[in-house]
Protein backbone atom coordinates (compact mmCIF):
# COMPACT_ATOMS: atom_id res chain seq x y z
CA UNK A 1 17.00 2.57 20.69
CA UNK A 2 16.90 1.28 17.19
CA UNK A 3 15.07 3.03 14.38
CA UNK A 4 12.57 0.18 14.27
CA UNK A 5 11.66 0.71 17.93
CA UNK A 6 11.14 4.42 17.36
CA UNK A 7 8.91 3.71 14.37
CA UNK A 8 6.85 1.22 16.43
CA UNK A 9 6.52 3.81 19.18
CA UNK A 10 5.36 6.48 16.72
CA UNK A 11 2.93 4.03 15.14
CA UNK A 12 1.48 3.11 18.54
CA UNK A 13 1.13 6.76 19.55
CA UNK A 14 -0.57 7.69 16.28
CA UNK A 15 -2.94 4.72 16.64
CA UNK A 16 -3.85 5.86 20.15
CA UNK A 17 -4.30 9.45 18.98
CA UNK A 18 -6.34 8.80 15.82
CA UNK A 19 -8.13 5.48 16.25
CA UNK A 20 -10.02 6.32 19.42
CA UNK A 21 -11.84 9.33 17.88
CA UNK A 22 -12.52 7.34 14.72
CA UNK A 23 -14.00 4.41 16.64
CA UNK A 24 -15.99 6.80 18.83
CA UNK A 25 -17.36 8.57 15.73
CA UNK A 26 -18.27 5.33 13.94
CA UNK A 27 -19.91 3.92 17.08
CA UNK A 28 -21.96 7.08 17.59
CA UNK A 29 -22.96 7.14 13.94
CA UNK A 30 -24.05 3.49 14.13
CA UNK A 31 -26.08 4.22 17.25
CA UNK A 32 -27.81 7.19 15.61
CA UNK A 33 -28.61 5.21 12.45
CA UNK A 34 -30.01 2.33 14.51
CA UNK A 35 -32.26 4.61 16.54
CA UNK A 36 -33.34 6.40 13.36
CA UNK A 37 -34.26 3.06 11.77
CA UNK A 38 -36.35 2.11 14.80
CA UNK A 39 -38.13 5.47 14.77
CA UNK A 40 -38.74 5.22 11.00
CA UNK A 41 -40.18 1.71 11.41
CA UNK A 42 -42.72 2.96 13.96
CA UNK A 43 -43.95 5.87 11.80
CA UNK A 44 -47.25 5.75 9.99
CA UNK A 45 -47.15 5.18 6.22
CA UNK A 46 -47.76 8.87 5.56
CA UNK A 47 -44.93 9.79 7.94
CA UNK A 48 -42.64 7.32 6.19
CA UNK A 49 -43.60 8.86 2.83
CA UNK A 50 -42.75 12.33 4.18
CA UNK A 51 -39.34 11.13 5.39
CA UNK A 52 -38.70 9.40 2.05
CA UNK A 53 -39.59 12.57 0.12
CA UNK A 54 -37.29 14.68 2.29
CA UNK A 55 -34.34 12.29 1.99
CA UNK A 56 -34.90 11.89 -1.74
CA UNK A 57 -34.96 15.68 -2.09
CA UNK A 58 -31.64 15.92 -0.26
CA UNK A 59 -30.14 13.25 -2.52
CA UNK A 60 -31.42 14.93 -5.68
CA UNK A 61 -30.07 18.32 -4.58
CA UNK A 62 -26.71 16.75 -3.81
CA UNK A 63 -26.54 15.05 -7.20
CA UNK A 64 -27.73 18.15 -9.06
CA UNK A 65 -25.37 20.49 -7.26
CA UNK A 66 -27.88 23.24 -6.48
CA UNK A 67 -31.22 23.71 -4.75
CA UNK A 68 -32.96 25.55 -7.60
CA UNK A 69 -32.48 22.87 -10.26
CA UNK A 70 -34.75 20.33 -8.63
CA UNK A 71 -38.37 21.28 -8.06
CA UNK A 72 -39.99 17.97 -9.05
CA UNK A 73 -41.94 16.18 -6.32
CA UNK A 74 -40.41 12.96 -5.09
CA UNK A 75 -42.23 9.67 -5.61
CA UNK A 76 -42.29 7.18 -2.79
CA UNK A 77 -42.19 3.42 -3.23
CA UNK A 78 -45.93 3.19 -2.62
CA UNK A 79 -46.65 5.41 -5.64
CA UNK A 80 -44.31 3.73 -8.15
CA UNK A 81 -46.90 1.29 -9.34
CA UNK A 82 -49.28 4.16 -10.18
CA UNK A 83 -46.56 6.12 -11.99
CA UNK A 84 -45.22 3.25 -14.12
CA UNK A 85 -47.20 1.56 -16.89
CA UNK A 86 -48.20 -2.03 -16.22
CA UNK A 87 -46.13 -3.36 -19.15
CA UNK A 88 -42.84 -2.13 -17.67
CA UNK A 89 -43.32 -3.93 -14.34
CA UNK A 90 -42.17 -7.55 -14.60
CA UNK A 91 -44.20 -9.93 -12.48
CA UNK A 92 -42.21 -12.44 -10.50
CA UNK A 93 -44.10 -15.44 -9.19
CA UNK A 94 -42.73 -17.43 -6.34
CA UNK A 95 -44.08 -20.81 -5.38
CA UNK A 96 -45.11 -21.24 -1.78
CA UNK A 97 -45.67 -24.94 -1.66
CA UNK A 98 -44.81 -27.34 1.11
CA UNK A 99 -42.46 -29.20 -1.22
CA UNK A 100 -40.27 -26.12 -1.52
CA UNK A 101 -39.61 -26.04 2.24
CA UNK A 102 -37.83 -28.94 3.88
CA UNK A 103 -38.90 -30.12 7.31
CA UNK A 104 -35.88 -29.61 9.62
CA UNK A 105 -37.27 -32.07 12.18
CA UNK A 106 -37.18 -34.89 9.62
CA UNK A 107 -33.39 -34.67 9.42
CA UNK A 108 -32.99 -35.58 13.14
CA UNK A 109 -33.05 -39.34 13.70
CA UNK A 110 -35.21 -40.56 16.60
CA UNK A 111 -33.31 -41.68 19.68
CA UNK A 112 -34.23 -44.78 21.59
CA UNK A 113 -34.70 -44.60 25.35
CA UNK A 114 -31.74 -45.89 27.32
CA UNK A 115 -32.55 -46.80 30.96
CA UNK A 116 -28.89 -46.31 32.00
CA UNK A 117 -29.04 -42.60 31.17
CA UNK A 118 -29.47 -40.16 34.01
CA UNK A 119 -32.80 -38.32 34.07
CA UNK A 120 -32.59 -34.69 32.93
CA UNK A 121 -32.02 -32.16 35.68
CA UNK A 122 -34.84 -29.66 36.09
């Protein structure tokens, strides 16, 4: 056997040994995040606020490095407008006119009836 063949064999064995657990872990993590997103979507607004406060607390503790440093209550997205002054919130206006949206059916040319065509099968 050449050195190159031995290296290919070791590379294949290491891929079999390490890639399967990695793919299994990433697939399981994706499944858990997807189910969590579906559960979060079905919660009431107060339940969503509670989850947001808990996750934001975890993030703040992680960034601060300790549990004792962060005792401030978390603000959810629904309460931002009450916490910020009106001058600091830029208003973005978007036009919702019919001219802004193109009609996709107008791009398809009409087809004339051809009597030699077979009727559509039902």
